[in-house]
Protein backbone atom coordinates (compact mmCIF):
# COMPACT_ATOMS: atom_id res chain seq x y z
CA MET A 1 0.00 0.00 0.00
CA LYS A 2 2.83 2.39 0.91
CA THR A 3 4.44 1.67 -2.47
CA LYS A 4 1.22 2.58 -4.31
CA ILE A 5 0.88 5.83 -2.36
CA LEU A 6 4.52 6.69 -3.00
CA ALA A 7 4.14 5.93 -6.73
CA LEU A 8 1.01 8.10 -6.88
CA ALA A 9 2.76 10.96 -5.09
CA VAL A 10 5.78 10.74 -7.42
CA GLY A 11 3.48 10.61 -10.46
CA LEU A 12 1.54 13.67 -9.31
CA ALA A 13 4.76 15.57 -8.61
CA ALA A 14 6.10 14.69 -12.07
CA ALA A 15 2.85 15.83 -13.73
CA SER A 16 3.00 19.08 -11.79
CA VAL A 17 6.58 19.69 -12.95
CA CYS A 18 5.59 18.98 -16.56
CA LEU A 19 2.64 21.39 -16.40
CA ALA A 20 4.86 24.08 -14.84
CA ALA A 21 7.39 23.59 -17.63
CA ASP A 22 4.63 23.84 -20.24
CA GLU A 23 3.29 27.00 -18.60
CA GLN A 24 6.77 28.55 -18.76
CA ALA A 25 7.16 27.43 -22.39
CA LEU A 26 3.88 29.16 -23.25
CA ARG A 27 4.88 32.31 -21.37
CA ASP A 28 8.21 32.34 -23.23
CA ALA A 29 6.57 31.71 -26.63
CA ASP A 30 4.07 34.52 -26.03
CA ALA A 31 6.88 36.92 -25.06
CA GLU A 32 8.86 35.94 -28.17
CA TRP A 33 5.74 36.45 -30.30
CA SER A 34 5.29 39.97 -28.89
CA LYS A 35 8.95 40.70 -29.57
CA SER A 36 8.56 39.48 -33.19
CA ALA A 37 5.50 41.65 -33.77
CA GLY A 38 7.28 44.63 -32.17
CA ALA A 39 10.13 44.10 -34.64
CA LYS A 40 7.54 44.01 -37.47
CA ASP A 41 8.76 40.58 -38.55
CA LEU A 42 5.71 39.30 -40.44
CA ASP A 43 6.98 35.77 -41.12
CA LYS A 44 8.03 35.20 -37.51
CA THR A 45 4.83 36.77 -36.17
CA VAL A 46 2.50 34.48 -38.15
CA SER A 47 4.69 31.42 -37.43
CA PHE A 48 3.22 31.22 -33.92
CA TYR A 49 -0.18 30.19 -35.32
CA SER A 50 -1.32 26.65 -36.02
CA ASP A 51 -2.29 25.83 -39.61
CA ASP A 52 -5.97 25.93 -38.70
CA ALA A 53 -5.88 29.02 -36.44
CA ILE A 54 -8.78 31.40 -36.00
CA VAL A 55 -7.87 35.04 -35.39
CA MET A 56 -10.55 37.47 -34.20
CA PRO A 57 -9.30 41.06 -34.37
CA PRO A 58 -11.46 43.90 -33.08
CA ASN A 59 -13.96 45.48 -35.47
CA ASP A 60 -13.25 42.95 -38.23
CA SER A 61 -14.33 39.52 -39.39
CA ALA A 62 -12.64 36.42 -38.05
CA ALA A 63 -9.72 35.14 -40.11
CA THR A 64 -10.00 31.39 -40.64
CA THR A 65 -7.35 30.74 -43.30
CA LYS A 66 -3.58 31.08 -43.19
CA GLU A 67 -3.82 33.73 -45.92
CA ALA A 68 -6.40 35.75 -44.00
CA VAL A 69 -4.36 35.56 -40.78
CA ARG A 70 -1.27 36.72 -42.66
CA LYS A 71 -3.22 39.61 -44.23
CA ILE A 72 -4.40 40.84 -40.81
CA TRP A 73 -0.83 40.95 -39.52
CA GLN A 74 0.59 42.31 -42.79
CA ASP A 75 -1.82 45.27 -42.66
CA LEU A 76 -1.26 45.85 -38.94
CA LEU A 77 2.54 45.68 -39.11
CA ALA A 78 2.56 48.08 -42.07
CA SER A 79 0.63 50.73 -40.11
CA PRO A 80 2.55 54.04 -39.97
CA GLY A 81 4.04 54.72 -36.56
CA LEU A 82 3.25 51.23 -35.27
CA ALA A 83 4.59 50.23 -31.88
CA ILE A 84 3.02 47.04 -30.48
CA SER A 85 3.62 44.80 -27.48
CA TRP A 86 1.75 42.50 -25.16
CA LYS A 87 2.45 40.69 -21.91
CA ALA A 88 0.89 37.57 -20.50
CA THR A 89 -0.69 37.98 -17.07
CA ARG A 90 -2.19 34.50 -16.79
CA VAL A 91 -0.97 31.21 -18.27
CA GLU A 92 -2.63 27.86 -17.69
CA VAL A 93 -2.11 24.41 -19.15
CA ALA A 94 -4.82 21.76 -19.05
CA LYS A 95 -4.05 18.61 -17.08
CA SER A 96 -3.91 16.77 -20.40
CA GLY A 97 -0.84 18.86 -21.25
CA ASP A 98 -1.92 19.43 -24.85
CA ILE A 99 -3.87 22.69 -24.56
CA GLY A 100 -3.00 25.98 -22.89
CA PHE A 101 -4.57 29.35 -22.29
CA VAL A 102 -2.79 32.68 -22.23
CA SER A 103 -4.37 36.02 -21.40
CA GLY A 104 -2.85 39.38 -20.81
CA THR A 105 -2.68 43.01 -21.80
CA TYR A 106 -1.48 44.78 -24.91
CA GLU A 107 -0.42 48.29 -25.91
CA VAL A 108 -0.35 49.60 -29.45
CA THR A 109 0.38 52.97 -31.00
CA MET A 110 -0.10 53.90 -34.64
CA ASN A 111 -0.61 57.09 -36.58
CA ASP A 112 -4.06 58.29 -37.56
CA PRO A 113 -4.64 59.58 -41.13
CA SER A 114 -3.30 63.03 -40.14
CA GLY A 115 -0.06 61.46 -38.83
CA LYS A 116 -0.92 61.98 -35.17
CA PRO A 117 -0.02 59.04 -32.89
CA VAL A 118 -3.00 57.22 -31.43
CA ASN A 119 -2.55 54.98 -28.40
CA ASP A 120 -4.65 51.95 -27.56
CA HIS A 121 -4.50 49.35 -24.80
CA GLY A 122 -6.59 46.34 -24.02
CA LYS A 123 -6.66 42.64 -23.30
CA TYR A 124 -6.22 39.42 -25.23
CA CYS A 125 -6.88 35.73 -24.91
CA GLU A 126 -5.15 32.92 -26.77
CA VAL A 127 -5.76 29.18 -26.88
CA TRP A 128 -2.62 27.20 -27.65
CA GLU A 129 -2.34 23.61 -28.81
CA LYS A 130 0.65 21.33 -28.35
CA LYS A 131 1.19 19.40 -31.57
CA GLY A 132 4.25 17.25 -32.09
CA GLY A 133 5.83 18.71 -28.96
CA THR A 134 5.46 22.31 -30.25
CA TRP A 135 3.06 24.93 -28.94
CA LYS A 136 1.03 26.80 -31.59
CA CYS A 137 -1.74 29.36 -31.12
CA GLY A 138 -5.05 28.02 -32.42
CA THR A 139 -7.35 30.85 -31.35
CA ASP A 140 -6.44 34.49 -30.85
CA ILE A 141 -8.73 37.39 -29.88
CA TRP A 142 -8.04 40.87 -28.59
CA ASN A 143 -10.04 44.01 -27.91
CA SER A 144 -9.58 47.50 -26.60
CA ASP A 145 -10.23 48.78 -23.11
CA LEU A 146 -10.98 52.21 -24.61
CA PRO A 147 -14.56 53.24 -25.36
CA ALA A 148 -15.66 52.86 -28.97
CA SER A 149 -15.43 56.08 -30.91
CA THR A 150 -18.63 57.47 -32.28
CA PRO A 151 -18.69 58.34 -35.97
CA THR A 152 -19.20 61.98 -36.83
CA PRO A 153 -22.48 62.65 -38.64
C-alpha cells in the first residue's frame, strides 16, 4: 500500500513539474511572439499560429485561413508609426498537457490619417495547442479597453 501511495505521489509531482514547464514554455513563446510583432517581422509573427488558427481582431471579421491571418498581420505591421507589445498575465495548461490558455494586456500605437499618434491598450486571450511537442496558437482574440469612438455625422 505504501508503495502505491509513494508511486502516486511521485506521479503527481512529475505531472505538476511537466505542467509548470509547459506554462513557462507558453509564457516564453508569447513573449517571443510579442517581440517578433514589435520588430515588425511578419513571417516570424505568423509562425506562432497553427495551420488551422482562427484570429478574431477587433472590429473585423474572423480570419479562418492562413492567408487571411497573414493579411491581418501584414496590414497591422505596415501601419505608420506602429509600436506594439503585449504581456501575459495568466498562463494555464490543461491537465492533459496538450492545450494551454494565455491572457494578458497589450499596448499599441499607430498614426491616424493626419499622422498623429493614437494609443490603444486592451486585453487578449489565446488558446494554444501542443502538436508534435510544439506549442502553436489556435485561437487569438483581442479588444480594446478604450470606449468605442462614435462616428461623426
